[in-house]
Amino acid sequence: MCIRDRANRAAVLAALAAGPCARIDLVRATGLGRTTIGRILADLAQAEAITRTTDHKWTLTTAATSDDTGNAA
């Protein structure tokens, strides 16, 4: 994973650490494009670091570790 990808992923995780977010909220919070956000969300969901809520927002899971967020889970 390149440095930019790590920075983008960290930005998404930081936004999610504040609470559940819809995709458009993540676009606005991070300044990243919708495609980039979608790729990051898919990667994080596959790694079970995030999950989608019933109201279609994304949230961190208990599987998100300090390695994923930079903070203790």
Protein backbone atom coordinates (compact mmCIF):
# COMPACT_ATOMS: atom_id res chain seq x y z
CA MET A 1 0.00 0.00 0.00
CA CYS A 2 1.48 3.34 -1.00
CA ILE A 3 1.76 6.34 1.32
CA ARG A 4 -1.16 8.16 -0.32
CA ASP A 5 -3.40 5.09 0.08
CA ARG A 6 -2.44 4.86 3.75
CA ALA A 7 -3.16 8.56 4.26
CA ASN A 8 -6.54 8.25 2.53
CA ARG A 9 -7.43 5.18 4.58
CA ALA A 10 -6.37 6.95 7.77
CA ALA A 11 -8.57 9.94 6.86
CA VAL A 12 -11.59 7.68 6.39
CA LEU A 13 -10.90 5.83 9.64
CA ALA A 14 -10.50 9.13 11.51
CA ALA A 15 -13.87 10.31 10.20
CA LEU A 16 -15.48 7.01 11.21
CA ALA A 17 -13.89 7.22 14.67
CA ALA A 18 -16.11 10.26 15.27
CA GLY A 19 -19.20 8.13 14.63
CA PRO A 20 -21.17 6.40 11.88
CA CYS A 21 -21.05 8.16 8.50
CA ALA A 22 -22.83 7.87 5.19
CA ARG A 23 -20.59 7.71 2.12
CA ILE A 24 -21.38 11.32 1.18
CA ASP A 25 -20.42 12.41 4.72
CA LEU A 26 -17.05 10.71 4.25
CA VAL A 27 -16.55 12.46 0.90
CA ARG A 28 -17.25 15.82 2.55
CA ALA A 29 -15.17 15.10 5.66
CA THR A 30 -12.10 13.85 3.81
CA GLY A 31 -12.22 15.70 0.50
CA LEU A 32 -11.64 12.39 -1.29
CA GLY A 33 -13.58 11.38 -4.39
CA ARG A 34 -16.57 9.04 -4.30
CA THR A 35 -14.67 6.33 -6.14
CA THR A 36 -11.75 6.51 -3.71
CA ILE A 37 -14.12 6.41 -0.73
CA GLY A 38 -15.93 3.43 -2.25
CA ARG A 39 -12.68 1.52 -2.74
CA ILE A 40 -11.52 2.24 0.79
CA LEU A 41 -14.90 1.25 2.26
CA ALA A 42 -14.86 -2.01 0.30
CA ASP A 43 -11.32 -2.78 1.49
CA LEU A 44 -12.15 -1.97 5.11
CA ALA A 45 -15.39 -3.98 5.00
CA GLN A 46 -13.56 -6.97 3.55
CA ALA A 47 -11.03 -6.69 6.38
CA GLU A 48 -14.00 -6.55 8.82
CA ALA A 49 -12.76 -3.21 10.18
CA ILE A 50 -16.08 -1.53 9.36
CA THR A 51 -19.69 -2.55 8.94
CA ARG A 52 -22.78 -0.98 7.45
CA THR A 53 -25.63 -0.06 9.77
CA THR A 54 -29.32 -0.52 9.04
CA ASP A 55 -29.59 3.18 8.18
CA HIS A 56 -26.88 2.78 5.49
CA LYS A 57 -24.07 4.40 7.43
CA TRP A 58 -20.60 2.94 7.94
CA THR A 59 -19.18 2.40 11.40
CA LEU A 60 -16.03 0.94 12.93
CA THR A 61 -16.27 -2.61 14.24
CA THR A 62 -14.58 -4.11 17.24
CA ALA A 63 -12.25 -5.76 14.72
CA ALA A 64 -10.76 -2.33 13.97
CA THR A 65 -7.52 -2.48 15.93
CA SER A 66 -4.88 0.03 16.79
CA ASP A 67 -3.11 -1.03 13.58
CA ASP A 68 -6.12 0.17 11.55
CA THR A 69 -6.97 3.40 13.34
CA GLY A 70 -3.78 4.47 15.03
CA ASN A 71 -5.73 4.43 18.31
CA ALA A 72 -6.70 1.72 20.72
CA ALA A 73 -10.00 0.11 19.76
